[in-house]
Amino acid sequence: MAILNTIEGGVCAAKGFFADGIHIGLKKEGAKDLAFIYSEKPCAIASVFTTNKMTAAPIRHFRSLGEFEGNFVLINSKNANAMTGRAGIDDITEVLGELKSKFPQIQNPVMSSTGVIGVRLPKAKIIEGAMKFDLTRREGINASEAIMTTDTFSKRLAYEVTLENGQSFRIGAMAKGAGMINPAMATMLCFITTDAAVDKTTMQDILDECVHTTFNAASVDGDTSTNDTVVVMANGLSGAFHAGAFKEALESIMLFLAKEMVRDGEGATKLVTYKVTGAINHKEAEIAAKALSNSLLVKTALFGQDPNWGRIASTVGASGIMCDEAFLSIWFDDICVYKKGELLFDEKLEPLAAAVMQKSSFTIHCDIGLQDGEFTAYGCDLGHEYVKINADYRT
């Protein structure tokens, strides 16, 4: 078995990768707002993007390149470059063209953006700022902070993966996301770097599998962004690879980041795991788990710390899956409040369930009681702060 050891460095942890984040005036008060990731060697690139039909210009530009290897990603915050038409793509082409003129070692650069929709990129400001980049810097923390919008903390993780034969490779990541997170694709933005010697096809297949149980299982508010992006870059400099170990490491990193985004959900106070078992099949378990993670009634009950198990049962029933109250069981952590038609929720049990609801992290488990289908989703509560943040987001 492979050994995964947590290391420092984030997206700079793997051999040959560099990154930094700087302030160019997109955010106020000197906060970092422009970042880059650079590899000294061209990378195989795997990607997954939003399912939103109003796809932002950076994604359309990326897709226009077809099959390619590249070594540079430019990321800006405060402006999504979405709903900007052909001009939005032209802006990206101009910005990246200026970068290539300044840094000839850059090959097939791409851009990623996050922020307000419907506003053209401040090209001059971005170009002027990007000219100050030092591509020899390994400042993964700076980069992870520069891509934040309403996030309250940066999200990053890196592993050194040691294989049974003694070889090792590294994989590191950073992500941003606190709102517009819906279990329909991935996250707002996530960038993963590795020196594993993995080819594009294999890496894409593994990424597609891992997205399903990580970013695809996370919900803050049920909304899907125009810019959702997951990019994995592999430069192969370690010379090491094992498919099973790579998948284990990638899935572990992505699950950690998905949970961190839910934990940091706008105004959120709780990270809740929704475990559905006993469904007629895995797909029906997934439908029920995601219905629970998206339900506004469930989210508000979580915020009020109300162990209203009836909302859980109702949401499962409304999800459309095959279920029956005579077979359903519900737990808050290890407190069973309803078991196959038997009402267990009484004056003695209620304070125990309420104590679970007061935790910052807990599990709601629904056993449908029919077959062996199962799925786990992740969600948070919804309160006053979420409304406040999104009521004046553009300001």
Protein backbone atom coordinates (compact mmCIF):
# COMPACT_ATOMS: atom_id res chain seq x y z
CA MET A 1 0.00 0.00 0.00
CA ALA A 2 1.06 3.57 -0.68
CA ILE A 3 1.79 5.92 2.21
CA LEU A 4 0.35 9.44 2.11
CA ASN A 5 2.19 12.04 4.18
CA THR A 6 0.88 15.58 4.48
CA ILE A 7 3.49 18.16 3.47
CA GLU A 8 3.67 21.93 3.10
CA GLY A 9 3.67 23.84 -0.14
CA GLY A 10 0.21 23.48 -1.62
CA VAL A 11 0.42 23.79 -5.41
CA CYS A 12 4.19 24.34 -5.10
CA ALA A 13 4.84 21.07 -3.27
CA ALA A 14 5.47 18.97 -6.40
CA LYS A 15 8.79 19.18 -8.25
CA GLY A 16 9.07 21.90 -10.85
CA PHE A 17 6.00 23.92 -9.83
CA PHE A 18 5.96 27.57 -8.84
CA ALA A 19 3.17 29.90 -7.77
CA ASP A 20 2.50 33.26 -6.19
CA GLY A 21 -0.27 35.74 -5.53
CA ILE A 22 -0.06 39.53 -5.57
CA HIS A 23 -2.24 42.62 -5.15
CA ILE A 24 -3.00 44.60 -8.29
CA GLY A 25 -6.00 46.61 -7.10
CA LEU A 26 -8.94 44.34 -7.91
CA LYS A 27 -9.60 43.89 -4.19
CA LYS A 28 -9.50 46.61 -1.56
CA GLU A 29 -6.95 47.30 1.16
CA GLY A 30 -4.01 45.52 -0.42
CA ALA A 31 -5.57 42.03 -0.48
CA LYS A 32 -4.04 39.62 -2.99
CA ASP A 33 -6.13 39.25 -6.14
CA LEU A 34 -3.99 37.87 -8.98
CA ALA A 35 -2.21 34.50 -8.94
CA PHE A 36 -0.22 32.22 -11.21
CA ILE A 37 0.82 28.59 -11.33
CA TYR A 38 3.86 27.75 -13.47
CA SER A 39 5.65 24.49 -14.26
CA GLU A 40 9.19 24.42 -15.60
CA LYS A 41 8.11 21.54 -17.84
CA PRO A 42 4.94 21.33 -19.99
CA CYS A 43 2.17 19.41 -18.27
CA ALA A 44 -0.48 16.91 -19.19
CA ILE A 45 -3.75 18.58 -18.19
CA ALA A 46 -7.04 17.07 -17.07
CA SER A 47 -10.09 19.20 -16.37
CA VAL A 48 -13.74 19.29 -15.36
CA PHE A 49 -15.92 22.35 -15.79
CA THR A 50 -19.30 23.74 -14.81
CA THR A 51 -22.57 22.27 -16.06
CA ASN A 52 -24.02 25.78 -16.21
CA LYS A 53 -25.00 26.58 -19.81
CA MET A 54 -23.84 30.19 -19.37
CA THR A 55 -20.21 29.14 -19.46
CA ALA A 56 -17.68 31.86 -18.64
CA ALA A 57 -15.10 33.09 -21.15
CA PRO A 58 -12.06 31.42 -19.47
CA ILE A 59 -13.66 27.98 -19.88
CA ARG A 60 -14.62 28.63 -23.50
CA HIS A 61 -11.07 29.83 -24.19
CA PHE A 62 -9.63 26.71 -22.54
CA ARG A 63 -11.85 24.42 -24.60
CA SER A 64 -10.93 26.22 -27.82
CA LEU A 65 -7.34 25.00 -27.43
CA GLY A 66 -8.35 21.38 -27.98
CA GLU A 67 -5.81 18.76 -26.90
CA PHE A 68 -2.72 20.49 -25.53
CA GLU A 69 0.05 20.51 -22.97
CA GLY A 70 0.67 23.72 -21.04
CA ASN A 71 2.64 25.08 -18.13
CA PHE A 72 0.93 28.25 -16.93
CA VAL A 73 -2.37 29.27 -15.33
CA LEU A 74 -3.30 32.88 -14.60
CA ILE A 75 -6.08 33.36 -12.03
CA ASN A 76 -7.87 36.56 -11.08
CA SER A 77 -10.52 37.23 -8.46
CA LYS A 78 -13.29 39.90 -8.28
CA ASN A 79 -14.25 39.47 -11.96
CA ALA A 80 -15.73 36.28 -13.44
CA ASN A 81 -15.39 37.34 -17.09
CA ALA A 82 -18.75 35.65 -17.63
CA MET A 83 -21.56 36.83 -19.94
CA THR A 84 -19.01 39.00 -21.74
CA GLY A 85 -19.43 37.42 -25.19
CA ARG A 86 -16.65 37.12 -27.74
CA ALA A 87 -15.00 40.18 -26.24
CA GLY A 88 -14.37 38.21 -23.04
CA ILE A 89 -12.37 35.60 -24.94
CA ASP A 90 -10.51 38.30 -26.87
CA ASP A 91 -9.57 39.93 -23.56
CA ILE A 92 -8.05 36.65 -22.37
CA THR A 93 -6.11 36.24 -25.63
CA GLU A 94 -4.68 39.75 -25.26
CA VAL A 95 -3.71 39.30 -21.61
CA LEU A 96 -2.04 35.93 -22.22
CA GLY A 97 -0.30 37.26 -25.32
CA GLU A 98 1.31 40.01 -23.26
CA LEU A 99 2.39 37.43 -20.68
CA LYS A 100 4.04 35.24 -23.32
CA SER A 101 5.92 38.27 -24.64
CA LYS A 102 7.26 39.00 -21.16
CA PHE A 103 7.91 35.36 -20.20
CA PRO A 104 8.92 33.31 -23.28
CA GLN A 105 9.13 30.12 -21.16
CA ILE A 106 5.33 30.12 -20.88
CA GLN A 107 3.65 27.57 -23.15
CA ASN A 108 -0.08 27.38 -23.95
CA PRO A 109 -1.18 29.47 -20.96
CA VAL A 110 -4.78 29.44 -19.77
CA MET A 111 -6.76 31.76 -17.54
CA SER A 112 -9.31 31.24 -14.78
CA SER A 113 -11.50 33.88 -13.16
CA THR A 114 -13.92 34.28 -10.28
CA GLY A 115 -16.08 37.14 -9.10
CA VAL A 116 -18.85 39.33 -10.46
CA ILE A 117 -20.66 38.23 -13.63
CA GLY A 118 -21.28 40.55 -16.59
CA VAL A 119 -18.27 42.88 -16.36
CA ARG A 120 -15.32 43.00 -18.79
CA LEU A 121 -11.88 42.20 -17.42
CA PRO A 122 -9.79 45.20 -16.34
CA LYS A 123 -7.16 44.17 -18.91
CA ALA A 124 -4.70 47.00 -18.35
CA LYS A 125 -4.62 46.46 -14.60
CA ILE A 126 -4.18 42.69 -14.98
CA ILE A 127 -1.44 43.03 -17.60
CA GLU A 128 0.43 45.64 -15.58
CA GLY A 129 0.23 43.47 -12.47
CA ALA A 130 1.19 40.24 -14.22
CA MET A 131 4.36 41.87 -15.54
CA LYS A 132 5.56 41.95 -11.91
CA PHE A 133 5.39 38.15 -11.51
CA ASP A 134 8.54 36.31 -10.51
CA LEU A 135 8.18 32.80 -11.92
CA THR A 136 10.85 31.43 -9.55
CA ARG A 137 8.73 32.02 -6.45
CA ARG A 138 7.15 29.16 -4.52
CA GLU A 139 4.47 30.97 -2.52
CA GLY A 140 1.53 28.61 -2.52
CA ILE A 141 -0.12 30.39 0.40
CA ASN A 142 -0.09 33.69 -1.48
CA ALA A 143 -1.64 32.06 -4.54
CA SER A 144 -4.39 30.40 -2.50
CA GLU A 145 -5.24 33.72 -0.85
CA ALA A 146 -5.32 35.61 -4.15
CA ILE A 147 -8.09 33.42 -5.60
CA MET A 148 -10.44 33.91 -2.62
CA THR A 149 -13.66 35.92 -2.92
CA THR A 150 -16.10 35.54 -0.02
CA ASP A 151 -13.95 32.76 1.48
CA THR A 152 -12.94 33.39 5.09
CA PHE A 153 -9.84 31.19 4.84
CA SER A 154 -7.66 29.73 2.10
CA LYS A 155 -7.97 26.07 1.23
CA ARG A 156 -4.93 23.98 0.30
CA LEU A 157 -3.35 20.59 0.92
CA ALA A 158 -0.39 18.56 -0.35
CA TYR A 159 0.83 14.98 -0.02
CA GLU A 160 4.02 13.09 -0.64
CA VAL A 161 2.95 9.65 -1.83
CA THR A 162 5.47 6.84 -1.22
CA LEU A 163 4.91 3.68 -3.24
CA GLU A 164 5.73 0.11 -2.20
CA ASN A 165 8.80 0.11 -4.47
CA GLY A 166 10.23 3.12 -2.63
CA GLN A 167 9.50 5.62 -5.37
CA SER A 168 7.44 8.67 -4.55
CA PHE A 169 5.55 11.52 -6.15
CA ARG A 170 3.91 14.66 -4.81
CA ILE A 171 0.49 16.16 -5.34
CA GLY A 172 -0.73 19.53 -4.08
CA ALA A 173 -3.84 21.63 -4.47
CA MET A 174 -5.60 24.87 -3.70
CA ALA A 175 -9.26 25.77 -4.04
CA LYS A 176 -11.66 28.61 -3.43
CA GLY A 177 -15.37 28.47 -2.85
CA ALA A 178 -17.89 29.49 -0.25
CA GLY A 179 -21.00 30.32 -2.26
CA MET A 180 -22.62 29.13 -5.51
CA ILE A 181 -21.65 25.58 -4.57
CA ASN A 182 -24.04 22.93 -5.87
CA PRO A 183 -23.60 19.16 -6.24
CA ALA A 184 -23.83 19.38 -10.04
CA MET A 185 -20.17 19.43 -11.14
CA ALA A 186 -17.30 20.53 -9.02
CA THR A 187 -16.44 23.67 -7.14
CA MET A 188 -15.86 27.32 -7.88
CA LEU A 189 -12.12 26.95 -8.64
CA CYS A 190 -9.65 24.16 -7.85
CA PHE A 191 -6.10 23.72 -9.11
CA ILE A 192 -4.10 20.54 -8.53
CA THR A 193 -0.45 20.01 -9.41
CA THR A 194 1.57 16.80 -9.41
CA ASP A 195 4.96 15.51 -10.50
CA ALA A 196 3.52 12.02 -10.99
CA ALA A 197 4.34 10.46 -14.36
CA VAL A 198 0.71 10.09 -15.44
CA ASP A 199 -0.64 10.52 -18.95
CA LYS A 200 -3.60 12.78 -19.75
CA THR A 201 -6.10 10.00 -20.53
CA THR A 202 -5.45 8.09 -17.32
CA MET A 203 -5.48 11.29 -15.27
CA GLN A 204 -8.75 12.44 -16.82
CA ASP A 205 -10.42 9.10 -16.11
CA ILE A 206 -9.30 9.19 -12.47
CA LEU A 207 -10.36 12.82 -12.08
CA ASP A 208 -13.82 12.07 -13.45
CA GLU A 209 -14.24 9.28 -10.90
CA CYS A 210 -13.04 11.39 -7.97
CA VAL A 211 -15.23 14.39 -8.80
CA HIS A 212 -18.36 12.29 -8.34
CA THR A 213 -17.83 11.58 -4.64
CA THR A 214 -16.12 14.85 -3.68
CA PHE A 215 -16.95 18.17 -5.36
CA ASN A 216 -20.05 16.66 -6.93
CA ALA A 217 -21.27 15.75 -3.45
CA ALA A 218 -20.83 19.19 -1.86
CA SER A 219 -23.53 21.83 -1.52
CA VAL A 220 -23.64 25.23 0.11
CA ASP A 221 -26.65 26.83 -1.54
CA GLY A 222 -27.72 24.71 -4.51
CA ASP A 223 -26.46 27.17 -7.12
CA THR A 224 -24.02 26.28 -9.91
CA SER A 225 -21.52 28.93 -10.99
CA THR A 226 -20.67 29.98 -14.54
CA ASN A 227 -16.96 29.45 -13.78
CA ASP A 228 -16.69 26.14 -11.88
CA THR A 229 -13.30 24.66 -12.73
CA VAL A 230 -11.09 21.78 -11.68
CA VAL A 231 -7.70 21.56 -13.39
CA VAL A 232 -5.02 18.94 -12.73
CA MET A 233 -1.51 19.54 -14.10
CA ALA A 234 1.08 16.72 -14.23
CA ASN A 235 4.69 17.40 -15.29
CA GLY A 236 6.02 13.86 -14.63
CA LEU A 237 9.26 15.07 -13.02
CA SER A 238 9.20 12.45 -10.25
CA GLY A 239 9.22 9.60 -12.77
CA ALA A 240 6.89 7.70 -10.41
CA PHE A 241 3.27 6.63 -10.79
CA HIS A 242 0.81 4.06 -9.56
CA ALA A 243 -2.83 4.39 -10.62
CA GLY A 244 -4.31 3.18 -7.34
CA ALA A 245 -2.08 5.38 -5.22
CA PHE A 246 -2.69 8.37 -7.46
CA LYS A 247 -6.45 7.95 -7.22
CA GLU A 248 -6.28 7.55 -3.45
CA ALA A 249 -4.25 10.75 -3.08
CA LEU A 250 -6.32 12.75 -5.55
CA GLU A 251 -9.63 11.69 -4.01
CA SER A 252 -8.37 12.42 -0.51
CA ILE A 253 -7.25 15.93 -1.46
CA MET A 254 -10.45 16.69 -3.34
CA LEU A 255 -12.66 15.43 -0.51
CA PHE A 256 -10.74 17.54 1.99
CA LEU A 257 -11.16 20.64 -0.16
CA ALA A 258 -14.84 19.92 -0.81
CA LYS A 259 -15.51 19.68 2.92
CA GLU A 260 -13.50 22.84 3.58
CA MET A 261 -15.63 24.73 1.08
CA VAL A 262 -18.82 23.53 2.75
CA ARG A 263 -17.38 24.35 6.17
CA ASP A 264 -16.61 27.84 4.86
CA GLY A 265 -20.04 28.22 3.22
CA GLU A 266 -21.18 31.83 3.32
CA GLY A 267 -22.44 32.40 6.84
CA ALA A 268 -22.26 28.69 7.65
CA THR A 269 -21.75 27.44 11.20
CA LYS A 270 -21.94 23.68 10.56
CA LEU A 271 -20.51 21.03 8.26
CA VAL A 272 -23.05 18.20 7.95
CA THR A 273 -22.45 14.80 6.38
CA TYR A 274 -25.55 13.23 4.83
CA LYS A 275 -25.10 9.47 4.68
CA VAL A 276 -27.81 7.56 2.83
CA THR A 277 -27.73 3.76 2.90
CA GLY A 278 -30.17 0.98 2.10
CA ALA A 279 -31.52 2.56 -1.08
CA ILE A 280 -32.69 0.45 -3.99
CA ASN A 281 -29.43 1.37 -5.80
CA HIS A 282 -26.51 3.81 -5.55
CA LYS A 283 -28.13 6.35 -7.87
CA GLU A 284 -31.25 6.61 -5.70
CA ALA A 285 -29.06 6.99 -2.62
CA GLU A 286 -27.25 9.84 -4.38
CA ILE A 287 -30.54 11.55 -5.27
CA ALA A 288 -31.72 11.43 -1.65
CA ALA A 289 -28.40 12.55 -0.16
CA LYS A 290 -28.18 15.53 -2.51
CA ALA A 291 -31.79 16.44 -1.85
CA LEU A 292 -30.95 16.61 1.85
CA SER A 293 -27.82 18.70 1.29
CA ASN A 294 -29.77 21.17 -0.87
CA SER A 295 -33.00 21.45 1.13
CA LEU A 296 -33.63 24.97 2.44
CA LEU A 297 -35.93 23.61 5.15
CA VAL A 298 -33.21 21.24 6.35
CA LYS A 299 -30.55 23.98 6.16
CA THR A 300 -32.60 26.41 8.24
CA ALA A 301 -33.34 23.72 10.82
CA LEU A 302 -29.60 23.14 11.08
CA PHE A 303 -29.02 26.86 11.62
CA GLY A 304 -31.63 26.89 14.37
CA GLN A 305 -30.10 23.74 15.90
CA ASP A 306 -33.53 22.13 15.72
CA PRO A 307 -33.46 18.30 15.50
CA ASN A 308 -36.50 18.34 13.24
CA TRP A 309 -36.20 14.81 11.90
CA GLY A 310 -39.55 15.20 10.15
CA ARG A 311 -37.90 17.53 7.64
CA ILE A 312 -35.33 14.83 6.95
CA ALA A 313 -38.00 12.21 6.32
CA SER A 314 -40.07 14.58 4.22
CA THR A 315 -37.10 15.53 2.03
CA VAL A 316 -36.23 11.88 1.41
CA GLY A 317 -39.82 11.18 0.42
CA ALA A 318 -39.98 14.23 -1.85
CA SER A 319 -36.75 13.27 -3.63
CA GLY A 320 -38.68 10.73 -5.70
CA ILE A 321 -36.71 7.65 -4.71
CA MET A 322 -38.32 4.38 -3.74
CA CYS A 323 -38.90 4.52 0.02
CA ASP A 324 -41.44 3.70 2.71
CA GLU A 325 -41.78 4.99 6.27
CA ALA A 326 -42.10 1.39 7.47
CA PHE A 327 -38.47 0.71 6.47
CA LEU A 328 -36.83 4.11 7.05
CA SER A 329 -34.48 4.82 9.97
CA ILE A 330 -32.86 8.18 10.86
CA TRP A 331 -29.87 9.01 13.06
CA PHE A 332 -28.26 12.22 14.26
CA ASP A 333 -24.72 10.89 14.76
CA ASP A 334 -25.40 7.81 16.93
CA ILE A 335 -28.81 8.99 18.19
CA CYS A 336 -31.56 7.06 16.40
CA VAL A 337 -34.70 9.23 16.32
CA TYR A 338 -36.87 7.11 14.02
CA LYS A 339 -36.59 3.39 13.35
CA LYS A 340 -38.65 1.53 10.75
CA GLY A 341 -41.97 3.16 11.63
CA GLU A 342 -41.26 3.40 15.36
CA LEU A 343 -41.33 6.92 16.86
CA LEU A 344 -38.34 7.16 19.19
CA PHE A 345 -38.26 10.95 19.48
CA ASP A 346 -39.55 11.77 22.97
CA GLU A 347 -38.76 14.19 25.81
CA LYS A 348 -35.80 12.06 26.84
CA LEU A 349 -34.31 11.71 23.36
CA GLU A 350 -34.87 15.26 22.10
CA PRO A 351 -32.12 16.94 24.20
CA LEU A 352 -29.66 14.26 23.08
CA ALA A 353 -30.45 14.96 19.44
CA ALA A 354 -30.35 18.71 20.11
CA ALA A 355 -26.86 18.33 21.58
CA VAL A 356 -25.71 16.77 18.31
CA MET A 357 -27.17 19.71 16.37
CA GLN A 358 -25.06 22.11 18.43
CA LYS A 359 -21.83 20.59 17.13
CA SER A 360 -19.90 22.27 14.34
CA SER A 361 -19.70 18.96 12.46
CA PHE A 362 -21.94 15.89 12.59
CA THR A 363 -23.65 13.22 10.48
CA ILE A 364 -27.28 12.70 9.56
CA HIS A 365 -27.74 9.08 8.51
CA CYS A 366 -30.81 7.82 6.67
CA ASP A 367 -31.17 4.08 6.14
CA ILE A 368 -33.84 3.57 3.47
CA GLY A 369 -34.03 -0.09 4.50
CA LEU A 370 -34.55 -1.62 1.05
CA GLN A 371 -31.33 -2.70 -0.69
CA ASP A 372 -27.62 -1.79 -0.53
CA GLY A 373 -27.47 1.51 -2.44
CA GLU A 374 -25.45 4.17 -0.63
CA PHE A 375 -24.04 7.66 -1.16
CA THR A 376 -22.60 10.41 1.05
CA ALA A 377 -23.13 14.12 0.44
CA TYR A 378 -21.95 17.19 2.34
CA GLY A 379 -23.81 20.36 3.22
CA CYS A 380 -24.08 23.24 5.67
CA ASP A 381 -26.66 25.38 7.38
CA LEU A 382 -28.15 28.59 5.98
CA GLY A 383 -28.66 31.70 8.06
CA HIS A 384 -28.80 35.48 8.17
CA GLU A 385 -25.19 36.03 7.13
CA TYR A 386 -25.69 34.24 3.80
CA VAL A 387 -28.45 36.68 2.88
CA LYS A 388 -26.34 39.64 3.98
CA ILE A 389 -23.32 38.56 1.92
CA ASN A 390 -25.26 37.91 -1.25
CA ALA A 391 -27.58 40.89 -0.99
CA ASP A 392 -24.68 43.28 -1.65
CA TYR A 393 -22.16 40.96 -3.36
CA ARG A 394 -21.23 43.44 -6.12
CA THR A 395 -20.16 46.06 -3.61
